[in-house]
Amino acid sequence: MSTLSQRNEHPEPIRIAVGRCALGPVAIAVTGRGVCAIELGDDETELTQTLHKRFPDAQVSQTDELADTLGTVIASIEHPDQEINLPLDIRGTAFQQRVWAALRDIPTGETRTYSDVAQCIHRPAAYRAVAGACAANQLAVAVPCHRVVRTDGGLSGYRWGVTRKRALLERESAGQ
């Protein structure tokens, strides 16, 4: 599995920045190819520490250096109808890549079940693996795994908390 978390695997600098949105603190990590992580959390310091653990050689950027990128991410949370139109550095297995591409095709304000996504990628029996790919997603909102729900429509695990998942879906369905 290709990740950016292993030392010396990815020598290019990774810059990080932290801001605030309607759901609390948000942090981004950016490589020369694009945004490689978007994290949501409760504490800015904790988010920064999380990114430093994942990317031990990351450099904290000055606020203005990544201000536009961070602003685009925050705007997409505040106004879900605004797409994140940024270069993304998405890394994962071939299966994860297929799942994440399918998630990016789910329209704002709509949801799909894990089974729906499995059908979409032509792997109908792989709904549990789809759930695993959602859990491995490192790009909150940009790869909208929050739009995937259980077969009964209920909300299940979300890397950044079910409360945030519910809030994102409510914001999207309200057209905010």
N, C-alpha and C. Protein backbone atom coordinates (compact mmCIF):
# COMPACT_ATOMS: atom_id res chain seq x y z
N MET A 1 0.85 -1.18 0.00
CA MET A 1 0.00 0.00 0.00
C MET A 1 0.88 1.23 0.00
N SER A 2 0.60 2.16 -0.84
CA SER A 2 1.39 3.37 -0.92
C SER A 2 0.82 4.43 0.01
N THR A 3 1.62 4.88 0.94
CA THR A 3 1.21 5.97 1.82
C THR A 3 2.34 6.97 1.88
N LEU A 4 2.06 8.10 2.44
CA LEU A 4 3.09 9.11 2.62
C LEU A 4 3.65 9.06 4.02
N SER A 5 3.19 8.13 4.85
CA SER A 5 3.54 8.15 6.26
C SER A 5 4.89 7.52 6.58
N GLN A 6 5.49 6.81 5.66
CA GLN A 6 6.74 6.14 5.96
C GLN A 6 7.92 7.07 5.69
N ARG A 7 8.84 7.08 6.63
CA ARG A 7 10.02 7.93 6.50
C ARG A 7 10.80 7.61 5.22
N ASN A 8 11.32 8.65 4.61
CA ASN A 8 12.19 8.55 3.44
C ASN A 8 11.50 7.99 2.20
N GLU A 9 10.25 7.61 2.29
CA GLU A 9 9.55 7.10 1.10
C GLU A 9 9.19 8.25 0.18
N HIS A 10 8.95 9.39 0.74
CA HIS A 10 8.45 10.53 -0.02
C HIS A 10 9.31 11.75 0.34
N PRO A 11 10.45 11.93 -0.32
CA PRO A 11 11.40 12.94 0.11
C PRO A 11 11.00 14.39 -0.10
N GLU A 12 10.02 14.65 -0.96
CA GLU A 12 9.67 16.05 -1.19
C GLU A 12 9.04 16.66 0.05
N PRO A 13 9.19 17.96 0.22
CA PRO A 13 8.63 18.60 1.40
C PRO A 13 7.10 18.53 1.42
N ILE A 14 6.59 18.38 2.60
CA ILE A 14 5.15 18.40 2.80
C ILE A 14 4.87 19.57 3.72
N ARG A 15 4.08 20.50 3.21
CA ARG A 15 3.75 21.70 3.99
C ARG A 15 2.38 21.50 4.62
N ILE A 16 2.21 22.00 5.82
CA ILE A 16 0.91 21.88 6.49
C ILE A 16 0.44 23.24 6.98
N ALA A 17 -0.87 23.37 7.06
CA ALA A 17 -1.48 24.59 7.56
C ALA A 17 -2.78 24.22 8.27
N VAL A 18 -3.16 25.03 9.23
CA VAL A 18 -4.36 24.77 10.03
C VAL A 18 -5.22 26.03 10.05
N GLY A 19 -6.53 25.83 9.98
CA GLY A 19 -7.49 26.93 10.07
C GLY A 19 -8.74 26.47 10.79
N ARG A 20 -9.77 27.27 10.68
CA ARG A 20 -11.04 26.93 11.34
C ARG A 20 -12.17 27.04 10.33
N CYS A 21 -13.15 26.12 10.50
CA CYS A 21 -14.34 26.13 9.67
C CYS A 21 -15.54 25.94 10.59
N ALA A 22 -16.73 25.84 10.00
CA ALA A 22 -17.95 25.68 10.79
C ALA A 22 -17.94 24.40 11.62
N LEU A 23 -17.15 23.42 11.23
CA LEU A 23 -17.10 22.15 11.96
C LEU A 23 -15.94 22.08 12.94
N GLY A 24 -15.21 23.18 13.09
CA GLY A 24 -14.06 23.21 13.99
C GLY A 24 -12.77 23.35 13.21
N PRO A 25 -11.67 22.99 13.83
CA PRO A 25 -10.38 23.10 13.15
C PRO A 25 -10.28 22.18 11.94
N VAL A 26 -9.54 22.65 10.95
CA VAL A 26 -9.26 21.87 9.74
C VAL A 26 -7.78 22.05 9.43
N ALA A 27 -7.13 20.95 9.04
CA ALA A 27 -5.71 21.00 8.70
C ALA A 27 -5.52 20.38 7.32
N ILE A 28 -4.56 20.92 6.60
CA ILE A 28 -4.23 20.37 5.29
C ILE A 28 -2.73 20.06 5.24
N ALA A 29 -2.39 19.09 4.41
CA ALA A 29 -0.99 18.79 4.10
C ALA A 29 -0.88 18.83 2.58
N VAL A 30 0.18 19.45 2.09
CA VAL A 30 0.33 19.68 0.65
C VAL A 30 1.75 19.28 0.21
N THR A 31 1.80 18.48 -0.86
CA THR A 31 3.08 18.14 -1.49
C THR A 31 3.21 19.00 -2.74
N GLY A 32 4.25 18.79 -3.49
CA GLY A 32 4.42 19.49 -4.75
C GLY A 32 3.38 19.10 -5.78
N ARG A 33 2.73 17.95 -5.58
CA ARG A 33 1.70 17.48 -6.52
C ARG A 33 0.30 17.93 -6.14
N GLY A 34 0.09 18.28 -4.89
CA GLY A 34 -1.24 18.71 -4.48
C GLY A 34 -1.53 18.39 -3.02
N VAL A 35 -2.79 18.56 -2.66
CA VAL A 35 -3.23 18.31 -1.28
C VAL A 35 -3.22 16.80 -1.06
N CYS A 36 -2.50 16.36 -0.02
CA CYS A 36 -2.41 14.93 0.27
C CYS A 36 -3.17 14.54 1.53
N ALA A 37 -3.61 15.53 2.31
CA ALA A 37 -4.40 15.24 3.50
C ALA A 37 -5.26 16.43 3.86
N ILE A 38 -6.49 16.13 4.27
CA ILE A 38 -7.39 17.13 4.85
C ILE A 38 -7.94 16.46 6.10
N GLU A 39 -7.68 17.06 7.24
CA GLU A 39 -8.11 16.50 8.52
C GLU A 39 -9.08 17.46 9.20
N LEU A 40 -10.08 16.89 9.85
CA LEU A 40 -11.02 17.64 10.67
C LEU A 40 -10.82 17.19 12.11
N GLY A 41 -11.01 18.08 13.06
CA GLY A 41 -10.82 17.69 14.45
C GLY A 41 -11.39 18.70 15.42
N ASP A 42 -11.00 18.52 16.67
CA ASP A 42 -11.50 19.38 17.75
C ASP A 42 -10.46 20.37 18.24
N ASP A 43 -9.20 20.12 17.92
CA ASP A 43 -8.12 20.94 18.48
C ASP A 43 -7.04 21.15 17.42
N GLU A 44 -6.69 22.41 17.18
CA GLU A 44 -5.70 22.73 16.16
C GLU A 44 -4.34 22.10 16.44
N THR A 45 -3.93 22.12 17.69
CA THR A 45 -2.64 21.54 18.07
C THR A 45 -2.65 20.04 17.81
N GLU A 46 -3.75 19.38 18.15
CA GLU A 46 -3.86 17.94 17.93
C GLU A 46 -3.80 17.59 16.44
N LEU A 47 -4.47 18.40 15.61
CA LEU A 47 -4.42 18.17 14.16
C LEU A 47 -3.00 18.33 13.63
N THR A 48 -2.30 19.35 14.09
CA THR A 48 -0.92 19.57 13.66
C THR A 48 -0.06 18.39 14.08
N GLN A 49 -0.24 17.91 15.31
CA GLN A 49 0.53 16.76 15.78
C GLN A 49 0.21 15.51 14.96
N THR A 50 -1.07 15.32 14.61
CA THR A 50 -1.46 14.17 13.79
C THR A 50 -0.74 14.20 12.46
N LEU A 51 -0.70 15.37 11.82
CA LEU A 51 -0.02 15.47 10.53
C LEU A 51 1.48 15.28 10.67
N HIS A 52 2.06 15.78 11.77
CA HIS A 52 3.49 15.58 11.97
C HIS A 52 3.82 14.11 12.21
N LYS A 53 2.92 13.37 12.84
CA LYS A 53 3.15 11.94 13.03
C LYS A 53 3.06 11.21 11.69
N ARG A 54 2.09 11.59 10.88
CA ARG A 54 1.92 10.95 9.58
C ARG A 54 3.04 11.34 8.63
N PHE A 55 3.46 12.59 8.71
CA PHE A 55 4.51 13.11 7.83
C PHE A 55 5.61 13.70 8.73
N PRO A 56 6.50 12.86 9.24
CA PRO A 56 7.47 13.32 10.24
C PRO A 56 8.38 14.44 9.77
N ASP A 57 8.60 14.54 8.48
CA ASP A 57 9.50 15.58 7.97
C ASP A 57 8.74 16.81 7.46
N ALA A 58 7.43 16.88 7.76
CA ALA A 58 6.62 17.99 7.27
C ALA A 58 7.08 19.31 7.87
N GLN A 59 6.89 20.35 7.09
CA GLN A 59 7.24 21.70 7.52
C GLN A 59 5.95 22.48 7.69
N VAL A 60 5.80 23.15 8.82
CA VAL A 60 4.63 24.00 9.02
C VAL A 60 4.84 25.25 8.18
N SER A 61 3.88 25.53 7.32
CA SER A 61 3.99 26.68 6.43
C SER A 61 3.47 27.94 7.11
N GLN A 62 3.97 29.05 6.63
CA GLN A 62 3.43 30.32 7.08
C GLN A 62 1.98 30.39 6.61
N THR A 63 1.15 31.04 7.36
CA THR A 63 -0.27 31.10 7.07
C THR A 63 -0.55 31.54 5.64
N ASP A 64 0.14 32.57 5.15
CA ASP A 64 -0.16 33.09 3.82
C ASP A 64 0.33 32.18 2.70
N GLU A 65 1.27 31.30 2.98
CA GLU A 65 1.81 30.43 1.94
C GLU A 65 0.76 29.46 1.40
N LEU A 66 -0.09 28.93 2.28
CA LEU A 66 -1.13 28.00 1.88
C LEU A 66 -2.54 28.59 2.09
N ALA A 67 -2.60 29.89 2.24
CA ALA A 67 -3.88 30.53 2.57
C ALA A 67 -4.96 30.26 1.51
N ASP A 68 -4.62 30.34 0.25
CA ASP A 68 -5.62 30.11 -0.79
C ASP A 68 -6.10 28.66 -0.79
N THR A 69 -5.18 27.73 -0.65
CA THR A 69 -5.54 26.31 -0.62
C THR A 69 -6.42 26.01 0.58
N LEU A 70 -6.00 26.47 1.75
CA LEU A 70 -6.79 26.26 2.96
C LEU A 70 -8.15 26.95 2.83
N GLY A 71 -8.16 28.14 2.25
CA GLY A 71 -9.42 28.87 2.04
C GLY A 71 -10.38 28.12 1.13
N THR A 72 -9.87 27.47 0.10
CA THR A 72 -10.71 26.68 -0.80
C THR A 72 -11.34 25.51 -0.06
N VAL A 73 -10.54 24.83 0.77
CA VAL A 73 -11.06 23.70 1.55
C VAL A 73 -12.13 24.18 2.52
N ILE A 74 -11.86 25.26 3.23
CA ILE A 74 -12.83 25.80 4.19
C ILE A 74 -14.10 26.24 3.48
N ALA A 75 -13.96 26.90 2.33
CA ALA A 75 -15.14 27.35 1.57
C ALA A 75 -16.00 26.17 1.16
N SER A 76 -15.39 25.04 0.82
CA SER A 76 -16.18 23.87 0.41
C SER A 76 -16.95 23.27 1.58
N ILE A 77 -16.45 23.46 2.79
CA ILE A 77 -17.17 23.00 3.98
C ILE A 77 -18.29 23.98 4.31
N GLU A 78 -18.00 25.26 4.25
CA GLU A 78 -18.98 26.30 4.57
C GLU A 78 -20.09 26.37 3.52
N HIS A 79 -19.73 26.13 2.27
CA HIS A 79 -20.66 26.21 1.14
C HIS A 79 -20.51 24.94 0.32
N PRO A 80 -21.19 23.87 0.70
CA PRO A 80 -20.98 22.56 0.05
C PRO A 80 -21.20 22.54 -1.45
N ASP A 81 -21.87 23.54 -2.00
CA ASP A 81 -22.07 23.57 -3.44
C ASP A 81 -20.79 23.98 -4.17
N GLN A 82 -19.78 24.47 -3.43
CA GLN A 82 -18.50 24.84 -4.02
C GLN A 82 -17.57 23.63 -3.99
N GLU A 83 -17.18 23.17 -5.16
CA GLU A 83 -16.28 22.03 -5.26
C GLU A 83 -14.88 22.42 -4.81
N ILE A 84 -14.15 21.42 -4.36
CA ILE A 84 -12.73 21.61 -4.08
C ILE A 84 -12.03 21.40 -5.41
N ASN A 85 -11.71 22.48 -6.06
CA ASN A 85 -11.07 22.42 -7.37
C ASN A 85 -9.58 22.68 -7.19
N LEU A 86 -8.92 21.72 -6.54
CA LEU A 86 -7.50 21.82 -6.26
C LEU A 86 -6.80 20.56 -6.77
N PRO A 87 -5.52 20.66 -7.07
CA PRO A 87 -4.80 19.42 -7.38
C PRO A 87 -4.71 18.58 -6.11
N LEU A 88 -5.00 17.29 -6.26
CA LEU A 88 -4.96 16.37 -5.12
C LEU A 88 -3.86 15.36 -5.35
N ASP A 89 -3.14 15.04 -4.30
CA ASP A 89 -2.11 14.00 -4.33
C ASP A 89 -2.72 12.81 -3.58
N ILE A 90 -3.52 12.02 -4.31
CA ILE A 90 -4.27 10.91 -3.73
C ILE A 90 -3.45 9.64 -3.90
N ARG A 91 -3.13 8.99 -2.78
CA ARG A 91 -2.32 7.78 -2.84
C ARG A 91 -3.02 6.64 -2.11
N GLY A 92 -3.02 5.50 -2.74
CA GLY A 92 -3.62 4.31 -2.15
C GLY A 92 -3.49 3.16 -3.12
N THR A 93 -4.06 2.05 -2.74
CA THR A 93 -4.03 0.87 -3.61
C THR A 93 -4.91 1.13 -4.83
N ALA A 94 -4.80 0.27 -5.82
CA ALA A 94 -5.64 0.40 -7.02
C ALA A 94 -7.11 0.31 -6.64
N PHE A 95 -7.45 -0.58 -5.72
CA PHE A 95 -8.85 -0.71 -5.29
C PHE A 95 -9.31 0.57 -4.60
N GLN A 96 -8.51 1.09 -3.68
CA GLN A 96 -8.87 2.34 -3.00
C GLN A 96 -9.06 3.47 -4.00
N GLN A 97 -8.18 3.55 -4.98
CA GLN A 97 -8.28 4.60 -6.00
C GLN A 97 -9.63 4.52 -6.73
N ARG A 98 -10.06 3.29 -7.05
CA ARG A 98 -11.34 3.11 -7.73
C ARG A 98 -12.50 3.55 -6.84
N VAL A 99 -12.44 3.17 -5.58
CA VAL A 99 -13.50 3.57 -4.63
C VAL A 99 -13.52 5.09 -4.50
N TRP A 100 -12.37 5.70 -4.28
CA TRP A 100 -12.33 7.14 -4.08
C TRP A 100 -12.79 7.90 -5.31
N ALA A 101 -12.49 7.39 -6.49
CA ALA A 101 -12.99 8.02 -7.72
C ALA A 101 -14.51 7.94 -7.77
N ALA A 102 -15.07 6.80 -7.37
CA ALA A 102 -16.53 6.65 -7.35
C ALA A 102 -17.15 7.61 -6.33
N LEU A 103 -16.50 7.79 -5.20
CA LEU A 103 -17.02 8.72 -4.18
C LEU A 103 -17.05 10.15 -4.71
N ARG A 104 -16.04 10.51 -5.46
CA ARG A 104 -15.97 11.87 -6.01
C ARG A 104 -17.06 12.12 -7.05
N ASP A 105 -17.67 11.04 -7.55
CA ASP A 105 -18.76 11.17 -8.51
C ASP A 105 -20.14 11.28 -7.85
N ILE A 106 -20.21 11.10 -6.54
CA ILE A 106 -21.51 11.23 -5.84
C ILE A 106 -21.84 12.71 -5.75
N PRO A 107 -22.97 13.13 -6.30
CA PRO A 107 -23.32 14.55 -6.28
C PRO A 107 -23.53 15.09 -4.86
N THR A 108 -23.21 16.34 -4.68
CA THR A 108 -23.44 17.02 -3.41
C THR A 108 -24.92 16.89 -3.04
N GLY A 109 -25.17 16.57 -1.77
CA GLY A 109 -26.55 16.44 -1.29
C GLY A 109 -27.14 15.06 -1.46
N GLU A 110 -26.38 14.15 -2.08
CA GLU A 110 -26.86 12.78 -2.26
C GLU A 110 -25.97 11.82 -1.49
N THR A 111 -26.51 10.64 -1.21
CA THR A 111 -25.74 9.59 -0.56
C THR A 111 -25.83 8.31 -1.37
N ARG A 112 -24.91 7.40 -1.09
CA ARG A 112 -24.91 6.07 -1.65
C ARG A 112 -24.59 5.10 -0.52
N THR A 113 -25.01 3.88 -0.67
CA THR A 113 -24.65 2.86 0.32
C THR A 113 -23.30 2.26 -0.07
N TYR A 114 -22.71 1.56 0.88
CA TYR A 114 -21.45 0.87 0.59
C TYR A 114 -21.67 -0.13 -0.55
N SER A 115 -22.82 -0.78 -0.55
CA SER A 115 -23.16 -1.72 -1.63
C SER A 115 -23.29 -1.01 -2.96
N ASP A 116 -23.91 0.18 -2.97
CA ASP A 116 -24.02 0.96 -4.20
C ASP A 116 -22.64 1.26 -4.79
N VAL A 117 -21.72 1.66 -3.92
CA VAL A 117 -20.36 1.98 -4.39
C VAL A 117 -19.69 0.72 -4.92
N ALA A 118 -19.87 -0.39 -4.22
CA ALA A 118 -19.29 -1.66 -4.68
C ALA A 118 -19.83 -2.02 -6.07
N GLN A 119 -21.13 -1.83 -6.27
CA GLN A 119 -21.74 -2.08 -7.59
C GLN A 119 -21.13 -1.14 -8.64
N CYS A 120 -20.97 0.11 -8.27
CA CYS A 120 -20.46 1.12 -9.19
C CYS A 120 -19.07 0.77 -9.71
N ILE A 121 -18.25 0.17 -8.86
CA ILE A 121 -16.89 -0.17 -9.29
C ILE A 121 -16.81 -1.62 -9.80
N HIS A 122 -17.98 -2.21 -10.01
CA HIS A 122 -18.08 -3.57 -10.57
C HIS A 122 -17.47 -4.64 -9.67
N ARG A 123 -17.62 -4.43 -8.36
CA ARG A 123 -17.18 -5.41 -7.37
C ARG A 123 -18.30 -5.57 -6.34
N PRO A 124 -19.47 -6.08 -6.74
CA PRO A 124 -20.66 -6.09 -5.89
C PRO A 124 -20.50 -6.77 -4.54
N ALA A 125 -19.61 -7.72 -4.42
CA ALA A 125 -19.43 -8.40 -3.14
C ALA A 125 -18.43 -7.68 -2.23
N ALA A 126 -17.84 -6.60 -2.69
CA ALA A 126 -16.76 -5.93 -1.97
C ALA A 126 -17.22 -4.77 -1.10
N TYR A 127 -18.46 -4.81 -0.63
CA TYR A 127 -18.96 -3.66 0.15
C TYR A 127 -18.17 -3.44 1.43
N ARG A 128 -17.67 -4.50 2.05
CA ARG A 128 -16.85 -4.32 3.26
C ARG A 128 -15.50 -3.70 2.90
N ALA A 129 -14.95 -4.09 1.78
CA ALA A 129 -13.70 -3.49 1.33
C ALA A 129 -13.91 -2.02 0.96
N VAL A 130 -15.10 -1.70 0.45
CA VAL A 130 -15.44 -0.30 0.17
C VAL A 130 -15.42 0.48 1.49
N ALA A 131 -16.00 -0.09 2.53
CA ALA A 131 -16.00 0.56 3.85
C ALA A 131 -14.56 0.77 4.33
N GLY A 132 -13.71 -0.22 4.09
CA GLY A 132 -12.31 -0.08 4.46
C GLY A 132 -11.61 1.03 3.69
N ALA A 133 -11.93 1.16 2.41
CA ALA A 133 -11.34 2.24 1.61
C ALA A 133 -11.83 3.60 2.10
N CYS A 134 -13.09 3.67 2.49
CA CYS A 134 -13.62 4.92 3.05
C CYS A 134 -12.86 5.27 4.33
N ALA A 135 -12.62 4.28 5.17
CA ALA A 135 -11.91 4.51 6.43
C ALA A 135 -10.46 4.94 6.19
N ALA A 136 -9.87 4.51 5.07
CA ALA A 136 -8.48 4.85 4.76
C ALA A 136 -8.34 6.21 4.08
N ASN A 137 -9.45 6.81 3.70
CA ASN A 137 -9.43 8.11 3.02
C ASN A 137 -8.75 9.15 3.90
N GLN A 138 -7.80 9.87 3.34
CA GLN A 138 -7.09 10.92 4.07
C GLN A 138 -7.49 12.33 3.64
N LEU A 139 -8.49 12.42 2.76
CA LEU A 139 -8.87 13.72 2.22
C LEU A 139 -10.34 14.03 2.51
N ALA A 140 -10.61 14.38 3.77
CA ALA A 140 -11.98 14.73 4.16
C ALA A 140 -12.54 15.75 3.18
N VAL A 141 -13.77 15.61 2.83
CA VAL A 141 -14.54 16.51 1.96
C VAL A 141 -14.11 16.41 0.49
N ALA A 142 -12.82 16.43 0.20
CA ALA A 142 -12.37 16.34 -1.20
C ALA A 142 -12.69 14.98 -1.79
N VAL A 143 -12.56 13.95 -0.99
CA VAL A 143 -13.01 12.60 -1.35
C VAL A 143 -14.16 12.33 -0.37
N PRO A 144 -15.39 12.58 -0.80
CA PRO A 144 -16.52 12.68 0.13
C PRO A 144 -17.05 11.34 0.65
N CYS A 145 -16.24 10.67 1.47
CA CYS A 145 -16.68 9.41 2.05
C CYS A 145 -17.83 9.62 3.02
N HIS A 146 -18.06 10.87 3.44
CA HIS A 146 -19.21 11.14 4.32
C HIS A 146 -20.54 10.90 3.60
N ARG A 147 -20.52 10.80 2.28
CA ARG A 147 -21.75 10.56 1.51
C ARG A 147 -22.10 9.08 1.39
N VAL A 148 -21.36 8.23 2.06
CA VAL A 148 -21.63 6.80 2.02
C VAL A 148 -22.27 6.39 3.34
N VAL A 149 -23.42 5.72 3.23
CA VAL A 149 -24.21 5.34 4.41
C VAL A 149 -24.50 3.84 4.39
N ARG A 150 -25.02 3.34 5.50
CA ARG A 150 -25.41 1.94 5.57
C ARG A 150 -26.61 1.69 4.67
N THR A 151 -26.89 0.43 4.42
CA THR A 151 -28.02 0.04 3.56
C THR A 151 -29.34 0.58 4.09
N ASP A 152 -29.49 0.65 5.42
CA ASP A 152 -30.72 1.17 6.02
C ASP A 152 -30.76 2.69 6.07
N GLY A 153 -29.74 3.34 5.50
CA GLY A 153 -29.68 4.80 5.48
C GLY A 153 -29.03 5.40 6.71
N GLY A 154 -28.70 4.56 7.69
CA GLY A 154 -28.08 5.05 8.92
C GLY A 154 -26.62 5.44 8.70
N LEU A 155 -26.17 6.28 9.59
CA LEU A 155 -24.78 6.72 9.53
C LEU A 155 -23.91 5.75 10.31
N SER A 156 -22.82 5.37 9.72
CA SER A 156 -21.89 4.49 10.41
C SER A 156 -20.56 5.22 10.52
N GLY A 157 -19.55 4.52 10.96
CA GLY A 157 -18.26 5.12 11.23
C GLY A 157 -17.79 6.13 10.21
N TYR A 158 -17.12 7.13 10.72
CA TYR A 158 -16.54 8.18 9.88
C TYR A 158 -15.24 8.58 10.56
N ARG A 159 -14.18 8.58 9.84
CA ARG A 159 -12.85 8.85 10.38
C ARG A 159 -12.81 10.11 11.25
N TRP A 160 -13.61 11.09 10.91
CA TRP A 160 -13.60 12.36 11.62
C TRP A 160 -14.83 12.52 12.51
N GLY A 161 -15.51 11.43 12.80
CA GLY A 161 -16.63 11.43 13.74
C GLY A 161 -17.99 11.46 13.05
N VAL A 162 -18.90 10.65 13.56
CA VAL A 162 -20.25 10.57 12.99
C VAL A 162 -20.97 11.90 13.12
N THR A 163 -20.69 12.66 14.18
CA THR A 163 -21.33 13.98 14.34
C THR A 163 -20.96 14.89 13.18
N ARG A 164 -19.69 14.88 12.77
CA ARG A 164 -19.27 15.70 11.62
C ARG A 164 -19.89 15.17 10.33
N LYS A 165 -19.96 13.85 10.20
CA LYS A 165 -20.58 13.25 9.02
C LYS A 165 -22.01 13.74 8.89
N ARG A 166 -22.76 13.69 9.98
CA ARG A 166 -24.15 14.15 9.99
C ARG A 166 -24.22 15.64 9.63
N ALA A 167 -23.34 16.43 10.22
CA ALA A 167 -23.33 17.87 9.95
C ALA A 167 -23.03 18.16 8.48
N LEU A 168 -22.07 17.44 7.90
CA LEU A 168 -21.75 17.64 6.48
C LEU A 168 -22.94 17.29 5.60
N LEU A 169 -23.59 16.16 5.89
CA LEU A 169 -24.75 15.75 5.09
C LEU A 169 -25.90 16.73 5.26
N GLU A 170 -26.11 17.22 6.46
CA GLU A 170 -27.19 18.21 6.68
C GLU A 170 -26.91 19.49 5.93
N ARG A 171 -25.66 19.94 5.97
CA ARG A 171 -25.30 21.17 5.25
C ARG A 171 -25.52 20.99 3.74
N GLU A 172 -25.14 19.81 3.24
CA GLU A 172 -25.30 19.55 1.81
C GLU A 172 -26.77 19.46 1.42
N SER A 173 -27.56 18.77 2.23
CA SER A 173 -28.98 18.62 1.86
C SER A 173 -29.74 19.94 2.00
N ALA A 174 -29.26 20.82 2.86
CA ALA A 174 -29.90 22.12 3.02
C ALA A 174 -29.45 23.10 1.92
N GLY A 175 -28.45 22.69 1.16
CA GLY A 175 -27.97 23.55 0.07
C GLY A 175 -27.15 24.73 0.55
N GLN A 176 -26.61 24.62 1.77
CA GLN A 176 -25.80 25.72 2.31
C GLN A 176 -24.48 25.82 1.60
